[in-house]
Amino acid sequence: MADIRSLQDAVADLVHDGDTVAMEGFTHLIPYAAAHEVIRQGITDLTLVRMTPDVIYDQLIGAGLVRKLVFSWGGNPGVGSLHRFRDAIENGWPRPLELDEHSHAGMANRYVAGASKLPFAVLRGYRGSDIPTRTDTVSTVVCPFTGEELAAVAALNPDVTVIHAQQADRAGNVQMWGLTGVQKEAALAADRVLVTVEEIVEELMPRPGGIVLPTWVIDAVSVVPGGAHPSYATGYSTRDNDFYQAWDPIARDREAFARWIDAYVRDSEGALTR
């Protein structure tokens, strides 16, 4: 069963130097509070995995904790580039960043393979792209039934998957609803799973389109209201569009970024970012 524990303790126990960490969430339910706790604890040499690395990974990269990024799109949604990401790629600051780039379909299938405990997944994709020449996690297989050549992508099995959800019950079962992306697959593919939630409830009431992750696939649940800010949690909060716009000038400048991280993450226990 999942333990219900503080975010500080859960991160210290489950996330280690050198881990491959997936922090998933599509548009909403992005686990910013957990990422900020990783920054405060200085957990480093991480391989980060995410279908859409946006500001959450810009912050981790800028903090110098990331050695490799596995992804399929990167940007500040609705605004533009991720400037800490760009600086790491173009200038090696604060450290060089290795990339393993995929398509969205490729990343989703990699998670599905990992969740299914299979070594790879098969899809029609990557044709006409140079991505297969830039990664050793894309290959081809020939269908034994039709002879068709298909793309094969290596399974993703993170050491740790971190997600945010709306509710957990006292047994550690978790429910999320709204846009749910690949959180379920990323959780099932991982060795360890940490979920931050808006609240603990006595009973999970079924929601239209809701997904329930049972307690036996989760290691720890931490109650962190507002833990997805500046993204949102359907039914609990709204997206902070002003923050995403404000992030652009902050992230463009190394010193401004360092001041922001020190003031609003390292020295604040996250209180000023929610």
Protein backbone atom coordinates (compact mmCIF):
# COMPACT_ATOMS: atom_id res chain seq x y z
CA MET A 1 0.00 0.00 0.00
CA ALA A 2 1.04 3.59 -0.62
CA ASP A 3 2.25 5.57 2.35
CA ILE A 4 0.69 8.98 2.93
CA ARG A 5 3.63 11.16 3.91
CA SER A 6 5.15 14.60 3.59
CA LEU A 7 6.46 15.66 0.21
CA GLN A 8 9.90 16.31 1.67
CA ASP A 9 10.17 12.78 3.05
CA ALA A 10 8.70 11.16 -0.05
CA VAL A 11 11.13 12.88 -2.41
CA ALA A 12 14.10 12.10 -0.17
CA ASP A 13 13.12 8.43 -0.04
CA LEU A 14 12.09 7.84 -3.64
CA VAL A 15 14.23 10.14 -5.84
CA HIS A 16 17.99 9.61 -5.90
CA ASP A 17 21.02 11.06 -7.66
CA GLY A 18 21.38 9.55 -11.13
CA ASP A 19 17.76 8.39 -11.39
CA THR A 20 15.64 8.42 -14.52
CA VAL A 21 12.60 10.47 -13.49
CA ALA A 22 9.33 11.01 -15.36
CA MET A 23 7.20 13.96 -14.25
CA GLU A 24 4.11 13.67 -16.39
CA GLY A 25 0.93 15.70 -16.73
CA PHE A 26 -0.63 17.19 -19.85
CA THR A 27 -1.73 20.85 -19.67
CA HIS A 28 -2.93 20.36 -16.09
CA LEU A 29 -1.85 18.16 -13.17
CA ILE A 30 1.82 18.98 -13.77
CA PRO A 31 3.73 18.15 -10.55
CA TYR A 32 5.54 21.45 -9.98
CA ALA A 33 5.64 21.20 -6.19
CA ALA A 34 7.44 17.87 -6.38
CA ALA A 35 9.94 19.28 -8.90
CA HIS A 36 10.63 22.20 -6.58
CA GLU A 37 11.30 19.78 -3.72
CA VAL A 38 13.82 17.97 -5.95
CA ILE A 39 15.54 21.33 -6.50
CA ARG A 40 15.57 22.11 -2.78
CA GLN A 41 17.14 18.74 -2.02
CA GLY A 42 19.72 19.16 -4.79
CA ILE A 43 19.09 15.73 -6.30
CA THR A 44 21.32 15.71 -9.36
CA ASP A 45 22.60 13.89 -12.47
CA LEU A 46 19.00 13.13 -13.40
CA THR A 47 17.69 11.78 -16.67
CA LEU A 48 14.35 13.52 -17.08
CA VAL A 49 11.58 12.00 -19.18
CA ARG A 50 8.49 13.89 -20.32
CA MET A 51 6.37 14.08 -23.45
CA THR A 52 6.10 17.86 -23.23
CA PRO A 53 8.91 19.34 -21.13
CA ASP A 54 7.77 22.87 -20.40
CA VAL A 55 8.56 25.28 -17.57
CA ILE A 56 8.81 22.50 -14.96
CA TYR A 57 11.85 21.03 -16.74
CA ASP A 58 13.23 24.45 -17.67
CA GLN A 59 13.56 25.05 -13.93
CA LEU A 60 15.21 21.71 -13.20
CA ILE A 61 17.62 22.10 -16.13
CA GLY A 62 18.49 25.66 -15.11
CA ALA A 63 19.16 24.46 -11.56
CA GLY A 64 21.92 22.25 -12.96
CA LEU A 65 20.37 18.94 -11.88
CA VAL A 66 19.83 17.33 -15.29
CA ARG A 67 22.30 15.45 -17.46
CA LYS A 68 19.88 14.04 -20.07
CA LEU A 69 16.39 14.80 -21.40
CA VAL A 70 14.12 12.23 -23.07
CA PHE A 71 11.25 14.07 -24.72
CA SER A 72 9.06 14.77 -27.74
CA TRP A 73 8.43 18.53 -27.60
CA GLY A 74 9.83 21.39 -25.56
CA GLY A 75 8.57 24.93 -25.07
CA ASN A 76 6.79 27.43 -22.85
CA PRO A 77 3.22 26.73 -23.99
CA GLY A 78 1.59 29.72 -25.61
CA VAL A 79 4.70 31.86 -25.10
CA GLY A 80 7.82 30.51 -26.83
CA SER A 81 11.14 28.88 -26.07
CA LEU A 82 12.47 27.38 -22.87
CA HIS A 83 15.50 29.58 -22.37
CA ARG A 84 17.23 27.51 -19.68
CA PHE A 85 16.82 24.48 -21.95
CA ARG A 86 18.23 26.44 -24.90
CA ASP A 87 21.16 27.75 -22.86
CA ALA A 88 22.08 24.22 -21.78
CA ILE A 89 22.01 22.96 -25.38
CA GLU A 90 23.65 25.95 -27.05
CA ASN A 91 26.17 26.92 -24.38
CA GLY A 92 26.41 24.02 -21.94
CA TRP A 93 25.19 26.23 -19.07
CA PRO A 94 24.93 25.36 -16.28
CA ARG A 95 26.01 21.98 -17.64
CA PRO A 96 25.82 20.17 -21.01
CA LEU A 97 22.52 18.43 -21.71
CA GLU A 98 22.22 15.16 -23.61
CA LEU A 99 19.04 14.68 -25.67
CA ASP A 100 16.97 11.68 -26.73
CA GLU A 101 14.22 13.12 -28.92
CA HIS A 102 11.10 11.32 -30.13
CA SER A 103 7.67 11.97 -31.58
CA HIS A 104 4.66 12.16 -29.28
CA ALA A 105 3.45 8.82 -30.63
CA GLY A 106 6.86 7.29 -30.06
CA MET A 107 7.01 8.50 -26.45
CA ALA A 108 3.46 7.31 -25.70
CA ASN A 109 4.26 3.90 -27.13
CA ARG A 110 7.49 3.71 -25.14
CA TYR A 111 5.52 4.24 -21.93
CA VAL A 112 2.95 1.64 -22.99
CA ALA A 113 5.71 -0.90 -23.61
CA GLY A 114 7.22 -0.14 -20.23
CA ALA A 115 3.85 -0.44 -18.50
CA SER A 116 3.22 -3.74 -20.30
CA LYS A 117 6.65 -5.08 -19.25
CA LEU A 118 7.61 -5.51 -22.90
CA PRO A 119 11.05 -4.59 -24.28
CA PHE A 120 9.74 -2.39 -27.10
CA ALA A 121 6.65 -1.11 -28.88
CA VAL A 122 5.79 -1.09 -32.58
CA LEU A 123 4.16 1.75 -34.51
CA ARG A 124 3.93 3.36 -37.91
CA GLY A 125 6.06 6.41 -37.53
CA TYR A 126 9.41 8.18 -37.94
CA ARG A 127 9.41 7.72 -41.72
CA GLY A 128 10.98 10.72 -43.41
CA SER A 129 12.47 11.87 -40.09
CA ASP A 130 16.14 11.93 -39.12
CA ILE A 131 15.30 11.10 -35.50
CA PRO A 132 16.23 7.39 -35.92
CA THR A 133 19.75 8.47 -36.90
CA ARG A 134 20.11 10.48 -33.68
CA THR A 135 19.04 7.92 -31.08
CA ASP A 136 19.64 4.28 -30.28
CA THR A 137 16.10 3.90 -28.92
CA VAL A 138 14.44 3.76 -32.36
CA SER A 139 14.86 0.85 -34.74
CA THR A 140 12.76 -1.18 -37.19
CA VAL A 141 11.11 -4.57 -37.16
CA VAL A 142 9.47 -6.59 -39.93
CA CYS A 143 5.94 -7.78 -39.22
CA PRO A 144 5.98 -11.62 -39.27
CA PHE A 145 2.46 -11.65 -40.71
CA THR A 146 2.53 -9.02 -43.46
CA GLY A 147 6.20 -8.35 -44.09
CA GLU A 148 5.68 -4.63 -43.42
CA GLU A 149 8.60 -2.74 -41.94
CA LEU A 150 7.57 -0.83 -38.83
CA ALA A 151 9.23 1.46 -36.35
CA ALA A 152 10.22 -0.05 -33.01
CA VAL A 153 10.85 2.07 -29.92
CA ALA A 154 12.56 0.89 -26.74
CA ALA A 155 10.43 0.64 -23.61
CA LEU A 156 10.60 3.39 -21.03
CA ASN A 157 10.89 2.20 -17.43
CA PRO A 158 11.66 5.21 -15.22
CA ASP A 159 13.20 4.67 -11.83
CA VAL A 160 10.58 7.09 -10.52
CA THR A 161 7.39 8.55 -11.95
CA VAL A 162 5.96 11.64 -10.27
CA ILE A 163 2.44 12.87 -11.03
CA HIS A 164 -0.16 15.18 -9.52
CA ALA A 165 -3.80 14.17 -9.10
CA GLN A 166 -6.95 15.54 -7.55
CA GLN A 167 -7.73 13.01 -4.84
CA ALA A 168 -6.50 10.05 -2.86
CA ASP A 169 -8.31 8.00 -0.26
CA ARG A 170 -6.79 6.97 3.05
CA ALA A 171 -5.69 3.62 1.61
CA GLY A 172 -3.58 5.42 -0.99
CA ASN A 173 -5.76 4.86 -4.05
CA VAL A 174 -5.57 7.88 -6.35
CA GLN A 175 -8.10 9.36 -8.77
CA MET A 176 -7.50 11.93 -11.49
CA TRP A 177 -9.81 13.33 -14.14
CA GLY A 178 -9.80 15.84 -16.96
CA LEU A 179 -6.91 15.69 -19.42
CA THR A 180 -4.95 12.71 -18.20
CA GLY A 181 -2.25 12.28 -20.83
CA VAL A 182 0.11 9.37 -20.16
CA GLN A 183 0.18 9.53 -16.36
CA LYS A 184 -1.32 6.05 -15.97
CA GLU A 185 1.18 4.45 -18.35
CA ALA A 186 4.11 6.37 -16.86
CA ALA A 187 3.14 5.21 -13.37
CA LEU A 188 2.71 1.58 -14.36
CA ALA A 189 6.06 1.62 -16.19
CA ALA A 190 8.07 2.91 -13.20
CA ASP A 191 9.88 1.13 -10.41
CA ARG A 192 8.66 3.74 -7.88
CA VAL A 193 5.70 6.15 -7.97
CA LEU A 194 5.08 9.37 -6.07
CA VAL A 195 1.72 11.13 -6.37
CA THR A 196 0.94 14.58 -5.00
CA VAL A 197 -2.76 15.27 -4.53
CA GLU A 198 -5.05 18.16 -3.80
CA GLU A 199 -6.81 16.39 -0.95
CA ILE A 200 -7.47 13.15 0.90
CA VAL A 201 -11.09 11.98 0.81
CA GLU A 202 -12.87 9.20 2.65
CA GLU A 203 -14.10 7.61 -0.58
CA LEU A 204 -13.23 8.09 -4.24
CA MET A 205 -16.43 8.85 -6.14
CA PRO A 206 -16.35 7.83 -9.80
CA ARG A 207 -15.87 10.74 -12.20
CA PRO A 208 -16.66 10.83 -15.94
CA GLY A 209 -13.44 9.92 -17.71
CA GLY A 210 -11.66 9.48 -14.40
CA ILE A 211 -8.69 7.18 -13.89
CA VAL A 212 -8.01 5.39 -10.62
CA LEU A 213 -4.50 4.23 -9.81
CA PRO A 214 -4.68 1.53 -7.14
CA THR A 215 -2.60 1.82 -4.02
CA TRP A 216 -0.50 -1.21 -4.93
CA VAL A 217 1.18 0.63 -7.82
CA ILE A 218 1.99 3.73 -5.73
CA ASP A 219 4.77 4.09 -3.18
CA ALA A 220 3.88 7.44 -1.62
CA VAL A 221 1.08 9.99 -1.66
CA SER A 222 1.71 13.55 -0.50
CA VAL A 223 -1.05 16.08 0.13
CA VAL A 224 0.00 19.28 -1.63
CA PRO A 225 -2.94 21.62 -2.39
CA GLY A 226 -2.01 23.75 -5.38
CA GLY A 227 0.87 21.40 -6.16
CA ALA A 228 0.32 21.78 -9.90
CA HIS A 229 0.70 25.58 -9.97
CA PRO A 230 1.23 27.36 -12.38
CA SER A 231 -0.61 24.64 -14.28
CA TYR A 232 -3.97 23.64 -12.85
CA ALA A 233 -6.02 20.78 -11.45
CA THR A 234 -9.46 20.43 -13.00
CA GLY A 235 -12.12 21.07 -10.38
CA TYR A 236 -9.65 22.72 -7.98
CA SER A 237 -7.71 25.51 -9.66
CA THR A 238 -7.21 27.45 -12.89
CA ARG A 239 -4.14 27.91 -15.04
CA ASP A 240 -1.93 30.87 -14.10
CA ASN A 241 -1.41 32.28 -17.59
CA ASP A 242 0.32 35.37 -16.21
CA PHE A 243 3.04 33.18 -14.71
CA TYR A 244 3.86 31.53 -18.03
CA GLN A 245 4.21 34.94 -19.66
CA ALA A 246 6.29 36.27 -16.76
CA TRP A 247 8.58 33.25 -16.95
CA ASP A 248 9.92 34.24 -20.37
CA PRO A 249 11.98 37.29 -19.26
CA ILE A 250 13.03 35.54 -16.05
CA ALA A 251 14.34 32.51 -17.89
CA ARG A 252 16.13 34.54 -20.58
CA ASP A 253 18.66 35.90 -18.08
CA ARG A 254 20.91 33.62 -16.03
CA GLU A 255 21.11 35.96 -13.05
CA ALA A 256 17.37 36.65 -13.04
CA PHE A 257 16.71 32.93 -13.16
CA ALA A 258 19.12 32.26 -10.27
CA ARG A 259 17.47 34.97 -8.16
CA TRP A 260 14.01 33.54 -8.86
CA ILE A 261 15.00 29.98 -7.99
CA ASP A 262 16.65 31.12 -4.78
CA ALA A 263 13.75 33.32 -3.71
CA TYR A 264 10.77 31.20 -4.74
CA VAL A 265 12.05 27.63 -4.55
CA ARG A 266 15.24 27.04 -2.57
CA ASP A 267 14.51 29.50 0.27
CA SER A 268 10.74 29.31 0.48
CA GLU A 269 9.60 25.69 0.74
CA GLY A 270 7.53 26.52 -2.34
CA ALA A 271 5.07 28.73 -0.49
CA LEU A 272 5.55 31.72 -2.78
CA THR A 273 4.98 29.76 -5.98
CA ARG A 274 1.44 28.68 -5.19
